Amino acid sequence: MKNEPNNETIQNEAKTINATKPKHAAKDSIFHDLFSLPEYLFQLYRVLHPEDKETTEADLSIITLKKILVTGEYNDLGFMAKDKLIILVEAQSTWSVNIVVRALMYLMNSYQEYFNSHGITMYSGKKIKMPKPELYVIYTKEREGHPDIISLKEEYFPNEECCIDAKVKIIYEDESNSITNQYICFCKVFDDCVKKYGRTQEAMKETFRICADRDLLKEYLKTRETEVKGIMLTLFDQERVTELYGLEMREEGIGIGRANTYLSLVRRNLIPKSIAAEEMGISMAQLEKQLGTV
């Protein structure tokens, strides 16, 4: 007879999953998935640089950090344009000036990877070449008087001499049909549906319906429906997942640990196998084996 996990075990396992995924680790977020696709990344670049008529889709390359040393955090999106610009973009639903500090950390780590990959040493007597940095935040809530730019110096060291500064430009909702505005509006639709229907499949269905009616990320949502629905579900609080499936899993004698939670969601066709495998840190072959034996 298998041991049934007690309430303390369930709570601790849920906390562990949440702690490792503060915002569903950006690598798997809808934002990351959307802009990992070349056509949408290019649309984003055109929003940031409408004056540039020469850069093409092929000139852009993603350099999103896979892991920040020590903290283990991920940045949302990093890409380069023609080896001349290094652009970091974060998606934020909660206002915080601390984003400028995080952006500076991401930037320094991105430069380190760039220097390493290009064999550039900073200890040479010759001045090194480096791409120009640009930092952005796409803010998905109401503007409410927030500034266009967050400055490290002005926020943390006002009226003082400071040896360093970093500036993050904030992108808000506007009246355009740009890819950034579509993404912001999509987030608002999703939030509204969750408030109305809870963290359920009905909320996901309504999000897709409304976005199709309003022409928000319509083609993306149509072609990536399975992936996006899987991502939406894993964005739901782990507490909600436990509430929905915890009793049944306990009755089956299955723990509520990270791996078994994802296996359960895959069996119910609620998330793609690819997402489950990556979250569990195993190969697709190993996932298939566990699905067949657990």
Protein backbone atom coordinates (compact mmCIF):
# COMPACT_ATOMS: atom_id res chain seq x y z
CA MET A 1 0.00 0.00 0.00
CA LYS A 2 1.41 3.36 -0.99
CA ASN A 3 1.80 6.05 1.66
CA GLU A 4 -0.73 8.87 1.41
CA PRO A 5 0.90 12.30 1.66
CA ASN A 6 -0.30 14.36 4.61
CA ASN A 7 -1.47 17.97 4.40
CA GLU A 8 1.93 19.34 5.38
CA THR A 9 3.62 17.36 2.60
CA ILE A 10 1.11 18.62 0.04
CA GLN A 11 1.58 22.23 1.12
CA ASN A 12 5.35 21.95 1.07
CA GLU A 13 5.37 20.40 -2.40
CA ALA A 14 3.03 23.10 -3.70
CA LYS A 15 5.29 25.78 -2.21
CA THR A 16 8.32 24.17 -3.86
CA ILE A 17 6.70 24.34 -7.29
CA ASN A 18 5.62 27.95 -6.76
CA ALA A 19 9.06 28.94 -5.50
CA THR A 20 10.71 27.62 -8.63
CA LYS A 21 8.17 29.32 -10.87
CA PRO A 22 7.51 32.85 -9.51
CA LYS A 23 5.87 33.88 -12.77
CA HIS A 24 5.88 30.51 -14.49
CA ALA A 25 9.54 30.93 -15.41
CA ALA A 26 9.51 33.27 -18.38
CA LYS A 27 11.09 30.64 -20.64
CA ASP A 28 7.63 29.00 -20.83
CA SER A 29 5.40 32.04 -20.68
CA ILE A 30 3.14 33.11 -23.51
CA PHE A 31 5.30 36.20 -23.88
CA HIS A 32 8.39 34.09 -24.41
CA ASP A 33 6.62 31.67 -26.73
CA LEU A 34 5.16 34.49 -28.84
CA PHE A 35 8.43 36.31 -29.36
CA SER A 36 10.47 33.17 -29.85
CA LEU A 37 8.81 33.01 -33.26
CA PRO A 38 10.79 35.01 -35.87
CA GLU A 39 7.81 36.79 -37.45
CA TYR A 40 6.60 38.17 -34.11
CA LEU A 41 10.08 39.03 -32.93
CA PHE A 42 10.51 41.08 -36.09
CA GLN A 43 7.18 42.82 -35.47
CA LEU A 44 8.41 43.69 -31.99
CA TYR A 45 11.64 45.12 -33.38
CA ARG A 46 9.67 47.27 -35.82
CA VAL A 47 7.67 48.67 -32.90
CA LEU A 48 10.89 49.59 -31.10
CA HIS A 49 12.62 50.90 -34.24
CA PRO A 50 10.06 52.04 -36.82
CA GLU A 51 12.73 54.23 -38.44
CA ASP A 52 14.90 51.23 -39.37
CA LYS A 53 13.91 50.10 -42.87
CA GLU A 54 17.02 48.00 -43.50
CA THR A 55 17.05 45.40 -40.75
CA THR A 56 15.29 42.19 -41.74
CA GLU A 57 13.85 39.26 -39.84
CA ALA A 58 17.02 37.30 -40.59
CA ASP A 59 19.13 39.99 -38.89
CA LEU A 60 17.59 39.26 -35.49
CA SER A 61 18.85 36.57 -33.14
CA ILE A 62 17.53 35.59 -29.72
CA ILE A 63 19.98 35.70 -26.81
CA THR A 64 17.55 35.28 -23.93
CA LEU A 65 19.46 34.20 -20.84
CA LYS A 66 18.86 30.59 -19.87
CA LYS A 67 19.90 31.11 -16.29
CA ILE A 68 21.22 33.96 -14.19
CA LEU A 69 24.06 32.77 -11.96
CA VAL A 70 23.39 32.70 -8.21
CA THR A 71 19.74 33.80 -8.38
CA GLY A 72 18.66 31.21 -10.90
CA GLU A 73 16.27 33.73 -12.46
CA TYR A 74 15.44 34.04 -16.12
CA ASN A 75 14.93 37.18 -18.12
CA ASP A 76 11.96 37.34 -20.45
CA LEU A 77 13.48 38.20 -23.80
CA GLY A 78 16.86 39.19 -25.15
CA PHE A 79 17.78 39.57 -28.80
CA MET A 80 20.34 41.21 -31.04
CA ALA A 81 19.96 43.17 -34.25
CA LYS A 82 22.85 42.88 -36.73
CA ASP A 83 25.33 42.51 -33.87
CA LYS A 84 24.85 46.27 -33.30
CA LEU A 85 22.02 46.34 -30.76
CA ILE A 86 21.41 44.18 -27.72
CA ILE A 87 17.78 44.53 -26.70
CA LEU A 88 16.27 43.21 -23.48
CA VAL A 89 12.51 43.23 -22.98
CA GLU A 90 10.56 42.30 -19.86
CA ALA A 91 6.80 41.80 -19.48
CA GLN A 92 5.42 43.14 -16.21
CA SER A 93 1.95 43.04 -14.68
CA THR A 94 3.02 44.51 -11.33
CA TRP A 95 4.57 47.97 -11.15
CA SER A 96 7.98 48.12 -9.51
CA VAL A 97 10.94 50.42 -10.08
CA ASN A 98 13.13 47.47 -9.11
CA ILE A 99 12.85 46.28 -12.69
CA VAL A 100 15.63 48.71 -13.61
CA VAL A 101 17.97 46.90 -11.20
CA ARG A 102 17.03 43.50 -12.60
CA ALA A 103 17.39 44.79 -16.15
CA LEU A 104 20.91 45.99 -15.36
CA MET A 105 21.80 42.57 -13.96
CA TYR A 106 20.38 40.84 -17.04
CA LEU A 107 22.29 43.24 -19.27
CA MET A 108 25.64 42.58 -17.60
CA ASN A 109 25.13 38.83 -17.85
CA SER A 110 24.08 39.17 -21.48
CA TYR A 111 27.24 41.14 -22.24
CA GLN A 112 29.32 38.49 -20.48
CA GLU A 113 27.82 35.79 -22.69
CA TYR A 114 28.33 37.97 -25.76
CA PHE A 115 32.00 38.57 -24.95
CA ASN A 116 32.58 34.88 -24.25
CA SER A 117 30.89 33.73 -27.45
CA HIS A 118 32.86 36.24 -29.53
CA GLY A 119 36.20 35.53 -27.85
CA ILE A 120 36.46 39.12 -26.59
CA THR A 121 38.68 39.83 -23.60
CA MET A 122 38.29 42.98 -21.54
CA TYR A 123 41.91 42.82 -20.43
CA SER A 124 43.26 43.71 -23.85
CA GLY A 125 44.83 47.14 -24.38
CA LYS A 126 42.66 47.62 -27.46
CA LYS A 127 39.20 49.07 -26.99
CA ILE A 128 36.63 46.34 -27.44
CA LYS A 129 33.57 46.61 -29.65
CA MET A 130 30.22 46.03 -28.05
CA PRO A 131 26.59 46.33 -29.18
CA LYS A 132 24.54 49.26 -27.93
CA PRO A 133 22.10 48.27 -25.14
CA GLU A 134 18.38 49.00 -25.02
CA LEU A 135 16.12 48.09 -22.10
CA TYR A 136 12.32 47.89 -22.27
CA VAL A 137 9.36 46.82 -20.16
CA ILE A 138 5.97 45.97 -21.64
CA TYR A 139 3.55 46.89 -18.87
CA THR A 140 0.26 44.98 -19.08
CA LYS A 141 -1.80 46.97 -16.57
CA GLU A 142 -3.15 50.53 -16.61
CA ARG A 143 -0.61 53.32 -16.83
CA GLU A 144 -2.00 55.28 -13.83
CA GLY A 145 0.55 58.06 -14.00
CA HIS A 146 3.63 55.85 -14.24
CA PRO A 147 6.62 57.36 -16.09
CA ASP A 148 7.81 56.67 -19.64
CA ILE A 149 11.30 55.82 -18.39
CA ILE A 150 12.68 54.41 -15.14
CA SER A 151 16.17 55.69 -14.35
CA LEU A 152 18.40 53.85 -11.89
CA LYS A 153 20.12 57.06 -10.82
CA GLU A 154 16.94 59.11 -10.44
CA GLU A 155 15.07 56.41 -8.54
CA TYR A 156 17.82 55.29 -6.18
CA PHE A 157 20.31 58.15 -6.02
CA PRO A 158 18.41 61.38 -6.72
CA ASN A 159 20.39 64.60 -6.32
CA GLU A 160 23.59 62.62 -5.81
CA GLU A 161 26.64 61.93 -7.91
CA CYS A 162 26.46 58.39 -9.21
CA CYS A 163 28.99 56.52 -11.30
CA ILE A 164 26.40 54.49 -13.18
CA ASP A 165 22.91 54.79 -14.61
CA ALA A 166 20.54 52.56 -16.53
CA LYS A 167 17.26 53.55 -18.16
CA VAL A 168 14.33 51.31 -18.95
CA LYS A 169 11.69 52.51 -21.40
CA ILE A 170 8.13 51.49 -20.53
CA ILE A 171 5.66 50.43 -23.22
CA TYR A 172 1.98 50.91 -22.31
CA GLU A 173 -1.32 50.13 -24.00
CA ASP A 174 -2.15 52.52 -26.84
CA GLU A 175 -4.59 52.77 -29.71
CA SER A 176 -2.42 50.97 -32.26
CA ASN A 177 -2.67 47.44 -33.62
CA SER A 178 1.00 46.78 -32.91
CA ILE A 179 2.16 43.40 -31.64
CA THR A 180 2.99 44.92 -28.24
CA ASN A 181 -0.46 46.44 -27.91
CA GLN A 182 -2.10 43.19 -28.96
CA TYR A 183 -0.12 41.35 -26.30
CA ILE A 184 -1.10 43.86 -23.60
CA CYS A 185 -4.78 43.63 -24.58
CA PHE A 186 -4.55 39.83 -24.65
CA CYS A 187 -3.26 39.86 -21.05
CA LYS A 188 -6.14 42.08 -19.96
CA VAL A 189 -8.69 39.82 -21.64
CA PHE A 190 -7.15 36.79 -19.96
CA ASP A 191 -7.21 38.49 -16.54
CA ASP A 192 -10.85 39.49 -16.98
CA CYS A 193 -11.84 35.95 -17.97
CA VAL A 194 -10.06 34.47 -14.96
CA LYS A 195 -11.87 36.93 -12.67
CA LYS A 196 -15.20 35.91 -14.18
CA TYR A 197 -14.74 32.16 -14.60
CA GLY A 198 -11.93 31.38 -12.20
CA ARG A 199 -8.84 29.43 -13.17
CA THR A 200 -10.73 27.04 -15.43
CA GLN A 201 -10.84 25.81 -18.99
CA GLU A 202 -13.87 28.06 -19.48
CA ALA A 203 -11.61 31.05 -18.84
CA MET A 204 -9.22 29.79 -21.50
CA LYS A 205 -12.02 29.20 -24.02
CA GLU A 206 -13.45 32.67 -23.46
CA THR A 207 -10.01 34.23 -23.79
CA PHE A 208 -9.57 32.62 -27.19
CA ARG A 209 -13.08 33.59 -28.31
CA ILE A 210 -12.79 37.22 -27.28
CA CYS A 211 -9.31 37.61 -28.75
CA ALA A 212 -10.51 36.14 -32.05
CA ASP A 213 -13.44 38.59 -32.10
CA ARG A 214 -11.14 41.52 -31.35
CA ASP A 215 -8.38 40.36 -33.67
CA LEU A 216 -5.86 40.14 -30.82
CA LEU A 217 -2.94 37.80 -31.61
CA LYS A 218 -5.47 35.98 -33.75
CA GLU A 219 -3.10 34.09 -36.03
CA TYR A 220 -0.72 33.23 -33.19
CA LEU A 221 -3.52 31.85 -31.01
CA LYS A 222 -4.93 29.89 -33.93
CA THR A 223 -1.68 28.19 -34.92
CA ARG A 224 -0.37 27.71 -31.36
CA GLU A 225 -3.64 26.86 -29.61
CA THR A 226 -2.45 23.67 -27.91
CA GLU A 227 0.78 25.22 -26.66
CA VAL A 228 -0.89 28.41 -25.44
CA LYS A 229 -3.64 26.58 -23.57
CA GLY A 230 -1.00 24.45 -21.88
CA ILE A 231 0.94 27.54 -20.87
CA MET A 232 -2.21 29.20 -19.55
CA LEU A 233 -2.96 26.26 -17.34
CA THR A 234 0.52 26.14 -15.85
CA LEU A 235 0.23 29.86 -15.13
CA PHE A 236 -2.60 29.01 -12.75
CA ASP A 237 -1.66 28.89 -9.08
CA GLN A 238 -0.40 25.53 -7.87
CA GLU A 239 -2.95 25.80 -5.08
CA ARG A 240 -5.71 25.69 -7.68
CA VAL A 241 -4.16 22.66 -9.39
CA THR A 242 -4.02 20.87 -6.05
CA GLU A 243 -7.63 21.81 -5.35
CA LEU A 244 -8.78 20.40 -8.70
CA TYR A 245 -6.78 17.18 -8.76
CA GLY A 246 -5.36 16.63 -5.27
CA LEU A 247 -8.14 14.42 -3.89
CA GLU A 248 -8.18 12.11 -6.89
CA MET A 249 -4.41 11.81 -6.91
CA ARG A 250 -4.33 11.02 -3.18
CA GLU A 251 -7.00 8.36 -3.66
CA GLU A 252 -4.81 6.82 -6.35
CA GLY A 253 -1.89 6.87 -3.94
CA ILE A 254 0.02 9.33 -6.10
CA GLY A 255 2.05 12.11 -4.46
CA ILE A 256 1.36 15.75 -5.27
CA GLY A 257 5.00 16.38 -6.07
CA ARG A 258 6.18 18.39 -9.06
CA ALA A 259 6.66 15.42 -11.38
CA ASN A 260 3.35 13.71 -10.63
CA THR A 261 1.45 16.98 -10.96
CA TYR A 262 2.72 17.43 -14.51
CA LEU A 263 2.10 13.78 -15.36
CA SER A 264 -1.48 14.17 -14.21
CA LEU A 265 -1.98 17.29 -16.33
CA VAL A 266 -0.55 15.55 -19.41
CA ARG A 267 -2.87 12.57 -18.93
CA ARG A 268 -5.82 14.95 -18.89
CA ASN A 269 -4.58 16.60 -22.09
CA LEU A 270 -4.33 19.92 -20.29
CA ILE A 271 -0.70 20.67 -21.14
CA PRO A 272 1.55 19.49 -24.00
CA LYS A 273 4.04 16.73 -23.30
CA SER A 274 6.88 19.04 -24.37
CA ILE A 275 6.12 21.50 -21.56
CA ALA A 276 5.78 18.73 -18.97
CA ALA A 277 9.09 17.15 -20.02
CA GLU A 278 10.95 20.46 -19.78
CA GLU A 279 9.41 21.35 -16.41
CA MET A 280 10.32 17.92 -15.04
CA GLY A 281 13.81 18.17 -16.49
CA ILE A 282 13.58 14.93 -18.46
CA SER A 283 13.62 13.88 -22.11
CA MET A 284 10.50 13.10 -24.12
CA ALA A 285 11.49 9.43 -24.09
CA GLN A 286 11.70 9.45 -20.29
CA LEU A 287 8.35 11.20 -20.07
CA GLU A 288 6.71 8.61 -22.32
CA LYS A 289 8.16 5.87 -20.14
CA GLN A 290 6.75 7.44 -16.96
CA LEU A 291 3.36 7.95 -18.55
CA GLY A 292 3.29 4.27 -19.41
CA THR A 293 4.42 2.92 -16.04
CA VAL A 294 3.24 5.31 -13.33
